[in-house]
Amino acid sequence: PFLVSTCDMVLVGADAVRGDGVLNKIGTYPIALAAREAGIPFYVAASKDKLDYDCVSEIEDRPDREIANPEELEATGGEIENPAFDLTPWKLITGVVTESGVLTQREIRMLLDGEFKI
């Protein structure tokens, strides 16, 4: 949170821009929360081919062995969640920077519905 508070804005990438938010690498959502807390605009950079408003996909869960020793994990009886992505909700996103300009959630929906031309 401190580092974010020293910035003028935050700009992250996106794997997909969906109706329920932006899907990106794990850790994006907490950065967006820190930006909101600091009053810093949070932008997402995404080419138009990443816009898929109706996309509903499961968030990939990576193998626990990527971050823990399987034998040690088994000995403790613990379980690890290792999601590859997280979903940042629209309420935390100031805009999406595309090759055609900065778009709001509403403009992306209109663009994909054919009601908005850029």
PDB file of N, CA and C in Angstrom:
ATOM      1  N   PRO A   1       0.801  -1.217   0.000  1.00  0.00           N
ATOM      2  CA  PRO A   1       0.000   0.000   0.000  1.00  0.00           C
ATOM      3  C   PRO A   1       0.839   1.274   0.000  1.00  0.00           C
ATOM      4  N   PHE A   2       1.967   1.278   0.735  1.00  0.00           N
ATOM      5  CA  PHE A   2       2.771   2.501   0.782  1.00  0.00           C
ATOM      6  C   PHE A   2       3.286   2.878  -0.598  1.00  0.00           C
ATOM      7  N   LEU A   3       3.857   1.922  -1.314  1.00  0.00           N
ATOM      8  CA  LEU A   3       4.420   2.229  -2.626  1.00  0.00           C
ATOM      9  C   LEU A   3       3.352   2.783  -3.561  1.00  0.00           C
ATOM     10  N   VAL A   4       2.177   2.187  -3.544  1.00  0.00           N
ATOM     11  CA  VAL A   4       1.088   2.670  -4.390  1.00  0.00           C
ATOM     12  C   VAL A   4       0.741   4.112  -4.040  1.00  0.00           C
ATOM     13  N   SER A   5       0.787   4.459  -2.777  1.00  0.00           N
ATOM     14  CA  SER A   5       0.417   5.817  -2.361  1.00  0.00           C
ATOM     15  C   SER A   5       1.399   6.869  -2.860  1.00  0.00           C
ATOM     16  N   THR A   6       2.578   6.452  -3.318  1.00  0.00           N
ATOM     17  CA  THR A   6       3.558   7.401  -3.844  1.00  0.00           C
ATOM     18  C   THR A   6       3.420   7.602  -5.349  1.00  0.00           C
ATOM     19  N   CYS A   7       2.493   6.894  -5.971  1.00  0.00           N
ATOM     20  CA  CYS A   7       2.314   6.943  -7.427  1.00  0.00           C
ATOM     21  C   CYS A   7       1.245   7.953  -7.825  1.00  0.00           C
ATOM     22  N   ASP A   8       1.315   8.393  -9.072  1.00  0.00           N
ATOM     23  CA  ASP A   8       0.269   9.246  -9.633  1.00  0.00           C
ATOM     24  C   ASP A   8      -0.905   8.413 -10.121  1.00  0.00           C
ATOM     25  N   MET A   9      -0.616   7.192 -10.560  1.00  0.00           N
ATOM     26  CA  MET A   9      -1.634   6.263 -11.040  1.00  0.00           C
ATOM     27  C   MET A   9      -1.028   4.871 -11.072  1.00  0.00           C
ATOM     28  N   VAL A  10      -1.898   3.875 -11.225  1.00  0.00           N
ATOM     29  CA  VAL A  10      -1.453   2.492 -11.378  1.00  0.00           C
ATOM     30  C   VAL A  10      -1.921   2.023 -12.748  1.00  0.00           C
ATOM     31  N   LEU A  11      -1.046   1.328 -13.472  1.00  0.00           N
ATOM     32  CA  LEU A  11      -1.371   0.767 -14.778  1.00  0.00           C
ATOM     33  C   LEU A  11      -0.920  -0.684 -14.786  1.00  0.00           C
ATOM     34  N   VAL A  12      -1.870  -1.599 -15.025  1.00  0.00           N
ATOM     35  CA  VAL A  12      -1.575  -3.032 -15.087  1.00  0.00           C
ATOM     36  C   VAL A  12      -2.064  -3.580 -16.418  1.00  0.00           C
ATOM     37  N   GLY A  13      -1.645  -4.774 -16.748  1.00  0.00           N
ATOM     38  CA  GLY A  13      -2.117  -5.448 -17.948  1.00  0.00           C
ATOM     39  C   GLY A  13      -3.366  -6.262 -17.654  1.00  0.00           C
ATOM     40  N   ALA A  14      -3.811  -7.000 -18.657  1.00  0.00           N
ATOM     41  CA  ALA A  14      -5.004  -7.836 -18.494  1.00  0.00           C
ATOM     42  C   ALA A  14      -4.904  -9.061 -19.383  1.00  0.00           C
ATOM     43  N   ASP A  15      -5.353 -10.182 -18.852  1.00  0.00           N
ATOM     44  CA  ASP A  15      -5.501 -11.373 -19.670  1.00  0.00           C
ATOM     45  C   ASP A  15      -6.866 -11.374 -20.349  1.00  0.00           C
ATOM     46  N   ALA A  16      -7.866 -10.794 -19.678  1.00  0.00           N
ATOM     47  CA  ALA A  16      -9.206 -10.676 -20.250  1.00  0.00           C
ATOM     48  C   ALA A  16      -9.959  -9.558 -19.541  1.00  0.00           C
ATOM     49  N   VAL A  17     -10.731  -8.817 -20.315  1.00  0.00           N
ATOM     50  CA  VAL A  17     -11.621  -7.788 -19.768  1.00  0.00           C
ATOM     51  C   VAL A  17     -13.026  -8.348 -19.913  1.00  0.00           C
ATOM     52  N   ARG A  18     -13.670  -8.622 -18.784  1.00  0.00           N
ATOM     53  CA  ARG A  18     -14.953  -9.310 -18.766  1.00  0.00           C
ATOM     54  C   ARG A  18     -16.035  -8.426 -18.174  1.00  0.00           C
ATOM     55  N   GLY A  19     -17.245  -8.911 -18.209  1.00  0.00           N
ATOM     56  CA  GLY A  19     -18.361  -8.173 -17.643  1.00  0.00           C
ATOM     57  C   GLY A  19     -18.273  -8.008 -16.141  1.00  0.00           C
ATOM     58  N   ASP A  20     -17.640  -8.959 -15.475  1.00  0.00           N
ATOM     59  CA  ASP A  20     -17.543  -8.897 -14.016  1.00  0.00           C
ATOM     60  C   ASP A  20     -16.229  -8.294 -13.530  1.00  0.00           C
ATOM     61  N   GLY A  21     -15.376  -7.884 -14.445  1.00  0.00           N
ATOM     62  CA  GLY A  21     -14.120  -7.255 -14.061  1.00  0.00           C
ATOM     63  C   GLY A  21     -12.988  -7.649 -14.980  1.00  0.00           C
ATOM     64  N   VAL A  22     -11.780  -7.486 -14.483  1.00  0.00           N
ATOM     65  CA  VAL A  22     -10.583  -7.763 -15.275  1.00  0.00           C
ATOM     66  C   VAL A  22      -9.849  -8.959 -14.687  1.00  0.00           C
ATOM     67  N   LEU A  23      -9.593  -9.928 -15.542  1.00  0.00           N
ATOM     68  CA  LEU A  23      -8.845 -11.117 -15.162  1.00  0.00           C
ATOM     69  C   LEU A  23      -7.376 -10.861 -15.475  1.00  0.00           C
ATOM     70  N   ASN A  24      -6.525 -11.012 -14.480  1.00  0.00           N
ATOM     71  CA  ASN A  24      -5.092 -10.798 -14.666  1.00  0.00           C
ATOM     72  C   ASN A  24      -4.331 -11.645 -13.655  1.00  0.00           C
ATOM     73  N   LYS A  25      -3.024 -11.622 -13.761  1.00  0.00           N
ATOM     74  CA  LYS A  25      -2.182 -12.420 -12.876  1.00  0.00           C
ATOM     75  C   LYS A  25      -2.518 -12.152 -11.408  1.00  0.00           C
ATOM     76  N   ILE A  26      -2.325 -13.166 -10.603  1.00  0.00           N
ATOM     77  CA  ILE A  26      -2.620 -13.072  -9.179  1.00  0.00           C
ATOM     78  C   ILE A  26      -1.848 -11.899  -8.568  1.00  0.00           C
ATOM     79  N   GLY A  27      -2.529 -11.146  -7.738  1.00  0.00           N
ATOM     80  CA  GLY A  27      -1.918  -9.982  -7.108  1.00  0.00           C
ATOM     81  C   GLY A  27      -2.436  -8.665  -7.644  1.00  0.00           C
ATOM     82  N   THR A  28      -3.147  -8.708  -8.768  1.00  0.00           N
ATOM     83  CA  THR A  28      -3.682  -7.478  -9.350  1.00  0.00           C
ATOM     84  C   THR A  28      -4.783  -6.886  -8.473  1.00  0.00           C
ATOM     85  N   TYR A  29      -5.676  -7.724  -7.980  1.00  0.00           N
ATOM     86  CA  TYR A  29      -6.783  -7.252  -7.146  1.00  0.00           C
ATOM     87  C   TYR A  29      -6.294  -6.510  -5.897  1.00  0.00           C
ATOM     88  N   PRO A  30      -5.335  -7.061  -5.134  1.00  0.00           N
ATOM     89  CA  PRO A  30      -4.873  -6.301  -3.967  1.00  0.00           C
ATOM     90  C   PRO A  30      -4.193  -4.980  -4.334  1.00  0.00           C
ATOM     91  N   ILE A  31      -3.554  -4.919  -5.495  1.00  0.00           N
ATOM     92  CA  ILE A  31      -2.965  -3.648  -5.930  1.00  0.00           C
ATOM     93  C   ILE A  31      -4.078  -2.637  -6.192  1.00  0.00           C
ATOM     94  N   ALA A  32      -5.172  -3.100  -6.801  1.00  0.00           N
ATOM     95  CA  ALA A  32      -6.316  -2.212  -7.050  1.00  0.00           C
ATOM     96  C   ALA A  32      -6.922  -1.724  -5.737  1.00  0.00           C
ATOM     97  N   LEU A  33      -7.000  -2.598  -4.751  1.00  0.00           N
ATOM     98  CA  LEU A  33      -7.511  -2.194  -3.435  1.00  0.00           C
ATOM     99  C   LEU A  33      -6.604  -1.144  -2.797  1.00  0.00           C
ATOM    100  N   ALA A  34      -5.296  -1.333  -2.929  1.00  0.00           N
ATOM    101  CA  ALA A  34      -4.346  -0.359  -2.382  1.00  0.00           C
ATOM    102  C   ALA A  34      -4.490   0.983  -3.094  1.00  0.00           C
ATOM    103  N   ALA A  35      -4.706   0.950  -4.404  1.00  0.00           N
ATOM    104  CA  ALA A  35      -4.889   2.191  -5.163  1.00  0.00           C
ATOM    105  C   ALA A  35      -6.141   2.927  -4.695  1.00  0.00           C
ATOM    106  N   ARG A  36      -7.221   2.189  -4.493  1.00  0.00           N
ATOM    107  CA  ARG A  36      -8.451   2.827  -4.013  1.00  0.00           C
ATOM    108  C   ARG A  36      -8.232   3.459  -2.638  1.00  0.00           C
ATOM    109  N   GLU A  37      -7.573   2.732  -1.767  1.00  0.00           N
ATOM    110  CA  GLU A  37      -7.303   3.227  -0.418  1.00  0.00           C
ATOM    111  C   GLU A  37      -6.475   4.511  -0.453  1.00  0.00           C
ATOM    112  N   ALA A  38      -5.552   4.587  -1.420  1.00  0.00           N
ATOM    113  CA  ALA A  38      -4.672   5.754  -1.536  1.00  0.00           C
ATOM    114  C   ALA A  38      -5.278   6.868  -2.388  1.00  0.00           C
ATOM    115  N   GLY A  39      -6.444   6.602  -2.992  1.00  0.00           N
ATOM    116  CA  GLY A  39      -7.067   7.602  -3.854  1.00  0.00           C
ATOM    117  C   GLY A  39      -6.345   7.774  -5.179  1.00  0.00           C
ATOM    118  N   ILE A  40      -5.702   6.702  -5.649  1.00  0.00           N
ATOM    119  CA  ILE A  40      -4.924   6.722  -6.885  1.00  0.00           C
ATOM    120  C   ILE A  40      -5.741   6.060  -7.999  1.00  0.00           C
ATOM    121  N   PRO A  41      -5.812   6.667  -9.194  1.00  0.00           N
ATOM    122  CA  PRO A  41      -6.522   6.029 -10.305  1.00  0.00           C
ATOM    123  C   PRO A  41      -5.877   4.689 -10.676  1.00  0.00           C
ATOM    124  N   PHE A  42      -6.715   3.719 -11.004  1.00  0.00           N
ATOM    125  CA  PHE A  42      -6.263   2.373 -11.361  1.00  0.00           C
ATOM    126  C   PHE A  42      -6.717   2.075 -12.786  1.00  0.00           C
ATOM    127  N   TYR A  43      -5.755   1.968 -13.702  1.00  0.00           N
ATOM    128  CA  TYR A  43      -6.047   1.713 -15.110  1.00  0.00           C
ATOM    129  C   TYR A  43      -5.558   0.330 -15.512  1.00  0.00           C
ATOM    130  N   VAL A  44      -6.226  -0.212 -16.525  1.00  0.00           N
ATOM    131  CA  VAL A  44      -5.863  -1.501 -17.097  1.00  0.00           C
ATOM    132  C   VAL A  44      -5.524  -1.274 -18.566  1.00  0.00           C
ATOM    133  N   ALA A  45      -4.398  -1.797 -19.016  1.00  0.00           N
ATOM    134  CA  ALA A  45      -4.025  -1.733 -20.430  1.00  0.00           C
ATOM    135  C   ALA A  45      -4.408  -3.054 -21.088  1.00  0.00           C
ATOM    136  N   ALA A  46      -5.204  -2.957 -22.150  1.00  0.00           N
ATOM    137  CA  ALA A  46      -5.637  -4.174 -22.836  1.00  0.00           C
ATOM    138  C   ALA A  46      -5.955  -3.859 -24.288  1.00  0.00           C
ATOM    139  N   SER A  47      -5.471  -4.684 -25.186  1.00  0.00           N
ATOM    140  CA  SER A  47      -5.844  -4.532 -26.586  1.00  0.00           C
ATOM    141  C   SER A  47      -7.291  -4.989 -26.757  1.00  0.00           C
ATOM    142  N   LYS A  48      -7.914  -4.542 -27.832  1.00  0.00           N
ATOM    143  CA  LYS A  48      -9.345  -4.836 -28.024  1.00  0.00           C
ATOM    144  C   LYS A  48      -9.634  -6.331 -28.120  1.00  0.00           C
ATOM    145  N   ASP A  49      -8.648  -7.129 -28.526  1.00  0.00           N
ATOM    146  CA  ASP A  49      -8.893  -8.573 -28.602  1.00  0.00           C
ATOM    147  C   ASP A  49      -9.012  -9.223 -27.219  1.00  0.00           C
ATOM    148  N   LYS A  50      -8.705  -8.489 -26.160  1.00  0.00           N
ATOM    149  CA  LYS A  50      -8.860  -8.999 -24.791  1.00  0.00           C
ATOM    150  C   LYS A  50     -10.249  -8.702 -24.227  1.00  0.00           C
ATOM    151  N   LEU A  51     -11.057  -7.934 -24.963  1.00  0.00           N
ATOM    152  CA  LEU A  51     -12.389  -7.560 -24.487  1.00  0.00           C
ATOM    153  C   LEU A  51     -13.370  -8.682 -24.792  1.00  0.00           C
ATOM    154  N   ASP A  52     -13.929  -9.278 -23.780  1.00  0.00           N
ATOM    155  CA  ASP A  52     -14.917 -10.352 -23.924  1.00  0.00           C
ATOM    156  C   ASP A  52     -15.886 -10.241 -22.757  1.00  0.00           C
ATOM    157  N   TYR A  53     -16.859  -9.364 -22.905  1.00  0.00           N
ATOM    158  CA  TYR A  53     -17.740  -8.999 -21.802  1.00  0.00           C
ATOM    159  C   TYR A  53     -18.516 -10.184 -21.241  1.00  0.00           C
ATOM    160  N   ASP A  54     -18.852 -11.142 -22.095  1.00  0.00           N
ATOM    161  CA  ASP A  54     -19.673 -12.272 -21.659  1.00  0.00           C
ATOM    162  C   ASP A  54     -18.849 -13.478 -21.206  1.00  0.00           C
ATOM    163  N   CYS A  55     -17.541 -13.356 -21.228  1.00  0.00           N
ATOM    164  CA  CYS A  55     -16.664 -14.456 -20.834  1.00  0.00           C
ATOM    165  C   CYS A  55     -16.890 -14.821 -19.365  1.00  0.00           C
ATOM    166  N   VAL A  56     -17.092 -16.091 -19.130  1.00  0.00           N
ATOM    167  CA  VAL A  56     -17.173 -16.608 -17.765  1.00  0.00           C
ATOM    168  C   VAL A  56     -16.287 -17.847 -17.748  1.00  0.00           C
ATOM    169  N   SER A  57     -15.132 -17.728 -17.147  1.00  0.00           N
ATOM    170  CA  SER A  57     -14.214 -18.858 -17.110  1.00  0.00           C
ATOM    171  C   SER A  57     -13.735 -19.082 -15.683  1.00  0.00           C
ATOM    172  N   GLU A  58     -13.383 -20.304 -15.416  1.00  0.00           N
ATOM    173  CA  GLU A  58     -12.841 -20.653 -14.110  1.00  0.00           C
ATOM    174  C   GLU A  58     -11.425 -20.100 -13.993  1.00  0.00           C
ATOM    175  N   ILE A  59     -11.059 -19.694 -12.803  1.00  0.00           N
ATOM    176  CA  ILE A  59      -9.697 -19.234 -12.567  1.00  0.00           C
ATOM    177  C   ILE A  59      -8.814 -20.457 -12.358  1.00  0.00           C
ATOM    178  N   GLU A  60      -7.772 -20.549 -13.167  1.00  0.00           N
ATOM    179  CA  GLU A  60      -6.862 -21.688 -13.124  1.00  0.00           C
ATOM    180  C   GLU A  60      -6.193 -21.807 -11.756  1.00  0.00           C
ATOM    181  N   ASP A  61      -6.207 -23.012 -11.215  1.00  0.00           N
ATOM    182  CA  ASP A  61      -5.519 -23.293  -9.959  1.00  0.00           C
ATOM    183  C   ASP A  61      -4.262 -24.081 -10.303  1.00  0.00           C
ATOM    184  N   ARG A  62      -3.113 -23.516 -10.016  1.00  0.00           N
ATOM    185  CA  ARG A  62      -1.834 -24.133 -10.339  1.00  0.00           C
ATOM    186  C   ARG A  62      -1.484 -25.202  -9.299  1.00  0.00           C
ATOM    187  N   PRO A  63      -0.617 -26.142  -9.666  1.00  0.00           N
ATOM    188  CA  PRO A  63      -0.230 -27.200  -8.725  1.00  0.00           C
ATOM    189  C   PRO A  63       0.441 -26.636  -7.473  1.00  0.00           C
ATOM    190  N   ASP A  64       0.125 -27.223  -6.318  1.00  0.00           N
ATOM    191  CA  ASP A  64       0.712 -26.739  -5.065  1.00  0.00           C
ATOM    192  C   ASP A  64       2.218 -26.966  -5.004  1.00  0.00           C
ATOM    193  N   ARG A  65       2.719 -27.928  -5.761  1.00  0.00           N
ATOM    194  CA  ARG A  65       4.159 -28.208  -5.742  1.00  0.00           C
ATOM    195  C   ARG A  65       4.986 -27.046  -6.308  1.00  0.00           C
ATOM    196  N   GLU A  66       4.326 -26.103  -6.994  1.00  0.00           N
ATOM    197  CA  GLU A  66       5.044 -24.932  -7.496  1.00  0.00           C
ATOM    198  C   GLU A  66       5.514 -24.028  -6.363  1.00  0.00           C
ATOM    199  N   ILE A  67       4.829 -24.081  -5.220  1.00  0.00           N
ATOM    200  CA  ILE A  67       5.178 -23.175  -4.124  1.00  0.00           C
ATOM    201  C   ILE A  67       5.447 -23.885  -2.801  1.00  0.00           C
ATOM    202  N   ALA A  68       5.343 -25.214  -2.792  1.00  0.00           N
ATOM    203  CA  ALA A  68       5.591 -25.946  -1.545  1.00  0.00           C
ATOM    204  C   ALA A  68       6.154 -27.326  -1.860  1.00  0.00           C
ATOM    205  N   ASN A  69       6.909 -27.859  -0.933  1.00  0.00           N
ATOM    206  CA  ASN A  69       7.432 -29.203  -1.038  1.00  0.00           C
ATOM    207  C   ASN A  69       6.285 -30.177  -0.749  1.00  0.00           C
ATOM    208  N   PRO A  70       5.948 -31.059  -1.702  1.00  0.00           N
ATOM    209  CA  PRO A  70       4.811 -31.972  -1.508  1.00  0.00           C
ATOM    210  C   PRO A  70       4.930 -32.845  -0.252  1.00  0.00           C
ATOM    211  N   GLU A  71       6.148 -33.307   0.064  1.00  0.00           N
ATOM    212  CA  GLU A  71       6.326 -34.155   1.247  1.00  0.00           C
ATOM    213  C   GLU A  71       6.044 -33.373   2.534  1.00  0.00           C
ATOM    214  N   GLU A  72       6.537 -32.145   2.605  1.00  0.00           N
ATOM    215  CA  GLU A  72       6.293 -31.319   3.792  1.00  0.00           C
ATOM    216  C   GLU A  72       4.812 -30.984   3.923  1.00  0.00           C
ATOM    217  N   LEU A  73       4.185 -30.712   2.807  1.00  0.00           N
ATOM    218  CA  LEU A  73       2.765 -30.388   2.821  1.00  0.00           C
ATOM    219  C   LEU A  73       1.954 -31.586   3.308  1.00  0.00           C
ATOM    220  N   GLU A  74       2.292 -32.772   2.804  1.00  0.00           N
ATOM    221  CA  GLU A  74       1.584 -33.985   3.218  1.00  0.00           C
ATOM    222  C   GLU A  74       1.785 -34.252   4.708  1.00  0.00           C
ATOM    223  N   ALA A  75       2.980 -34.015   5.207  1.00  0.00           N
ATOM    224  CA  ALA A  75       3.278 -34.254   6.623  1.00  0.00           C
ATOM    225  C   ALA A  75       2.464 -33.343   7.541  1.00  0.00           C
ATOM    226  N   THR A  76       2.163 -32.146   7.091  1.00  0.00           N
ATOM    227  CA  THR A  76       1.399 -31.212   7.925  1.00  0.00           C
ATOM    228  C   THR A  76      -0.101 -31.378   7.748  1.00  0.00           C
ATOM    229  N   GLY A  77      -0.499 -32.072   6.684  1.00  0.00           N
ATOM    230  CA  GLY A  77      -1.920 -32.223   6.405  1.00  0.00           C
ATOM    231  C   GLY A  77      -2.534 -30.953   5.842  1.00  0.00           C
ATOM    232  N   GLY A  78      -1.690 -30.021   5.474  1.00  0.00           N
ATOM    233  CA  GLY A  78      -2.183 -28.742   4.955  1.00  0.00           C
ATOM    234  C   GLY A  78      -2.553 -28.807   3.486  1.00  0.00           C
ATOM    235  N   GLU A  79      -3.270 -27.809   3.076  1.00  0.00           N
ATOM    236  CA  GLU A  79      -3.642 -27.665   1.674  1.00  0.00           C
ATOM    237  C   GLU A  79      -3.246 -26.273   1.209  1.00  0.00           C
ATOM    238  N   ILE A  80      -2.923 -26.176  -0.050  1.00  0.00           N
ATOM    239  CA  ILE A  80      -2.519 -24.892  -0.620  1.00  0.00           C
ATOM    240  C   ILE A  80      -3.401 -24.566  -1.808  1.00  0.00           C
ATOM    241  N   GLU A  81      -3.867 -23.350  -1.836  1.00  0.00           N
ATOM    242  CA  GLU A  81      -4.538 -22.823  -3.017  1.00  0.00           C
ATOM    243  C   GLU A  81      -3.487 -22.016  -3.766  1.00  0.00           C
ATOM    244  N   ASN A  82      -3.380 -22.233  -5.056  1.00  0.00           N
ATOM    245  CA  ASN A  82      -2.365 -21.554  -5.851  1.00  0.00           C
ATOM    246  C   ASN A  82      -2.991 -21.034  -7.145  1.00  0.00           C
ATOM    247  N   PRO A  83      -3.894 -20.057  -7.041  1.00  0.00           N
ATOM    248  CA  PRO A  83      -4.529 -19.543  -8.257  1.00  0.00           C
ATOM    249  C   PRO A  83      -3.533 -18.769  -9.111  1.00  0.00           C
ATOM    250  N   ALA A  84      -3.660 -18.914 -10.425  1.00  0.00           N
ATOM    251  CA  ALA A  84      -2.772 -18.210 -11.352  1.00  0.00           C
ATOM    252  C   ALA A  84      -3.266 -16.793 -11.627  1.00  0.00           C
ATOM    253  N   PHE A  85      -4.556 -16.558 -11.451  1.00  0.00           N
ATOM    254  CA  PHE A  85      -5.161 -15.271 -11.788  1.00  0.00           C
ATOM    255  C   PHE A  85      -6.076 -14.811 -10.663  1.00  0.00           C
ATOM    256  N   ASP A  86      -6.413 -13.537 -10.696  1.00  0.00           N
ATOM    257  CA  ASP A  86      -7.505 -13.049  -9.859  1.00  0.00           C
ATOM    258  C   ASP A  86      -8.371 -12.118 -10.691  1.00  0.00           C
ATOM    259  N   LEU A  87      -9.515 -11.800 -10.151  1.00  0.00           N
ATOM    260  CA  LEU A  87     -10.491 -10.978 -10.858  1.00  0.00           C
ATOM    261  C   LEU A  87     -10.665  -9.670 -10.104  1.00  0.00           C
ATOM    262  N   THR A  88     -10.331  -8.570 -10.763  1.00  0.00           N
ATOM    263  CA  THR A  88     -10.481  -7.244 -10.172  1.00  0.00           C
ATOM    264  C   THR A  88     -11.834  -6.688 -10.597  1.00  0.00           C
ATOM    265  N   PRO A  89     -12.718  -6.374  -9.658  1.00  0.00           N
ATOM    266  CA  PRO A  89     -14.055  -5.887 -10.019  1.00  0.00           C
ATOM    267  C   PRO A  89     -14.014  -4.474 -10.601  1.00  0.00           C
ATOM    268  N   TRP A  90     -15.006  -4.182 -11.421  1.00  0.00           N
ATOM    269  CA  TRP A  90     -15.093  -2.888 -12.104  1.00  0.00           C
ATOM    270  C   TRP A  90     -15.100  -1.709 -11.149  1.00  0.00           C
ATOM    271  N   LYS A  91     -15.646  -1.875  -9.972  1.00  0.00           N
ATOM    272  CA  LYS A  91     -15.740  -0.731  -9.052  1.00  0.00           C
ATOM    273  C   LYS A  91     -14.370  -0.191  -8.664  1.00  0.00           C
ATOM    274  N   LEU A  92     -13.307  -0.963  -8.896  1.00  0.00           N
ATOM    275  CA  LEU A  92     -11.953  -0.519  -8.573  1.00  0.00           C
ATOM    276  C   LEU A  92     -11.189   0.005  -9.788  1.00  0.00           C
ATOM    277  N   ILE A  93     -11.795  -0.072 -10.969  1.00  0.00           N
ATOM    278  CA  ILE A  93     -11.099   0.257 -12.217  1.00  0.00           C
ATOM    279  C   ILE A  93     -11.541   1.619 -12.733  1.00  0.00           C
ATOM    280  N   THR A  94     -10.575   2.507 -12.933  1.00  0.00           N
ATOM    281  CA  THR A  94     -10.857   3.849 -13.450  1.00  0.00           C
ATOM    282  C   THR A  94     -11.175   3.797 -14.934  1.00  0.00           C
ATOM    283  N   GLY A  95     -10.427   3.007 -15.683  1.00  0.00           N
ATOM    284  CA  GLY A  95     -10.643   2.892 -17.115  1.00  0.00           C
ATOM    285  C   GLY A  95      -9.734   1.840 -17.712  1.00  0.00           C
ATOM    286  N   VAL A  96     -10.043   1.467 -18.960  1.00  0.00           N
ATOM    287  CA  VAL A  96      -9.242   0.496 -19.692  1.00  0.00           C
ATOM    288  C   VAL A  96      -8.577   1.226 -20.854  1.00  0.00           C
ATOM    289  N   VAL A  97      -7.257   1.194 -20.879  1.00  0.00           N
ATOM    290  CA  VAL A  97      -6.486   1.852 -21.928  1.00  0.00           C
ATOM    291  C   VAL A  97      -6.371   0.881 -23.097  1.00  0.00           C
ATOM    292  N   THR A  98      -6.976   1.246 -24.230  1.00  0.00           N
ATOM    293  CA  THR A  98      -6.924   0.424 -25.434  1.00  0.00           C
ATOM    294  C   THR A  98      -6.181   1.189 -26.521  1.00  0.00           C
ATOM    295  N   GLU A  99      -5.987   0.547 -27.653  1.00  0.00           N
ATOM    296  CA  GLU A  99      -5.336   1.205 -28.777  1.00  0.00           C
ATOM    297  C   GLU A  99      -6.192   2.340 -29.339  1.00  0.00           C
ATOM    298  N   SER A 100      -7.437   2.413 -28.908  1.00  0.00           N
ATOM    299  CA  SER A 100      -8.347   3.466 -29.375  1.00  0.00           C
ATOM    300  C   SER A 100      -8.659   4.507 -28.309  1.00  0.00           C
ATOM    301  N   GLY A 101      -7.997   4.418 -27.165  1.00  0.00           N
ATOM    302  CA  GLY A 101      -8.238   5.383 -26.099  1.00  0.00           C
ATOM    303  C   GLY A 101      -8.635   4.704 -24.802  1.00  0.00           C
ATOM    304  N   VAL A 102      -8.968   5.528 -23.820  1.00  0.00           N
ATOM    305  CA  VAL A 102      -9.364   5.025 -22.503  1.00  0.00           C
ATOM    306  C   VAL A 102     -10.878   4.837 -22.486  1.00  0.00           C
ATOM    307  N   LEU A 103     -11.319   3.625 -22.151  1.00  0.00           N
ATOM    308  CA  LEU A 103     -12.739   3.291 -22.155  1.00  0.00           C
ATOM    309  C   LEU A 103     -13.218   2.955 -20.750  1.00  0.00           C
ATOM    310  N   THR A 104     -14.460   3.308 -20.482  1.00  0.00           N
ATOM    311  CA  THR A 104     -15.103   2.937 -19.227  1.00  0.00           C
ATOM    312  C   THR A 104     -15.787   1.582 -19.405  1.00  0.00           C
ATOM    313  N   GLN A 105     -16.260   1.018 -18.315  1.00  0.00           N
ATOM    314  CA  GLN A 105     -16.998  -0.242 -18.389  1.00  0.00           C
ATOM    315  C   GLN A 105     -18.201  -0.100 -19.317  1.00  0.00           C
ATOM    316  N   ARG A 106     -18.928   0.984 -19.179  1.00  0.00           N
ATOM    317  CA  ARG A 106     -20.123   1.214 -20.005  1.00  0.00           C
ATOM    318  C   ARG A 106     -19.758   1.291 -21.486  1.00  0.00           C
ATOM    319  N   GLU A 107     -18.679   1.987 -21.806  1.00  0.00           N
ATOM    320  CA  GLU A 107     -18.262   2.120 -23.205  1.00  0.00           C
ATOM    321  C   GLU A 107     -17.816   0.784 -23.785  1.00  0.00           C
ATOM    322  N   ILE A 108     -17.176  -0.051 -22.983  1.00  0.00           N
ATOM    323  CA  ILE A 108     -16.777  -1.379 -23.458  1.00  0.00           C
ATOM    324  C   ILE A 108     -18.006  -2.219 -23.759  1.00  0.00           C
ATOM    325  N   ARG A 109     -18.995  -2.185 -22.877  1.00  0.00           N
ATOM    326  CA  ARG A 109     -20.238  -2.927 -23.108  1.00  0.00           C
ATOM    327  C   ARG A 109     -20.917  -2.448 -24.394  1.00  0.00           C
ATOM    328  N   MET A 110     -20.988  -1.139 -24.565  1.00  0.00           N
ATOM    329  CA  MET A 110     -21.608  -0.569 -25.766  1.00  0.00           C
ATOM    330  C   MET A 110     -20.809  -0.937 -27.018  1.00  0.00           C
ATOM    331  N   LEU A 111     -19.489  -0.906 -26.924  1.00  0.00           N
ATOM    332  CA  LEU A 111     -18.633  -1.267 -28.054  1.00  0.00           C
ATOM    333  C   LEU A 111     -18.884  -2.707 -28.472  1.00  0.00           C
ATOM    334  N   LEU A 112     -18.931  -3.606 -27.519  1.00  0.00           N
ATOM    335  CA  LEU A 112     -19.129  -5.015 -27.825  1.00  0.00           C
ATOM    336  C   LEU A 112     -20.546  -5.316 -28.294  1.00  0.00           C
ATOM    337  N   ASP A 113     -21.498  -4.474 -27.916  1.00  0.00           N
ATOM    338  CA  ASP A 113     -22.875  -4.625 -28.390  1.00  0.00           C
ATOM    339  C   ASP A 113     -23.094  -3.937 -29.733  1.00  0.00           C
ATOM    340  N   GLY A 114     -22.059  -3.271 -30.255  1.00  0.00           N
ATOM    341  CA  GLY A 114     -22.170  -2.581 -31.531  1.00  0.00           C
ATOM    342  C   GLY A 114     -22.835  -1.224 -31.442  1.00  0.00           C
ATOM    343  N   GLU A 115     -23.019  -0.698 -30.232  1.00  0.00           N
ATOM    344  CA  GLU A 115     -23.685   0.591 -30.040  1.00  0.00           C
ATOM    345  C   GLU A 115     -22.698   1.748 -29.935  1.00  0.00           C
ATOM    346  N   PHE A 116     -21.415   1.448 -29.961  1.00  0.00           N
ATOM    347  CA  PHE A 116     -20.390   2.465 -29.732  1.00  0.00           C
ATOM    348  C   PHE A 116     -19.251   2.186 -30.695  1.00  0.00           C
ATOM    349  N   LYS A 117     -18.835   3.179 -31.431  1.00  0.00           N
ATOM    350  CA  LYS A 117     -17.747   3.019 -32.402  1.00  0.00           C
ATOM    351  C   LYS A 117     -16.538   3.821 -31.942  1.00  0.00           C
ATOM    352  N   ILE A 118     -15.365   3.202 -32.084  1.00  0.00           N
ATOM    353  CA  ILE A 118     -14.131   3.922 -31.771  1.00  0.00           C
ATOM    354  C   ILE A 118     -13.172   3.836 -32.930  1.00  0.00           C
TER     355      ILE A 118
END
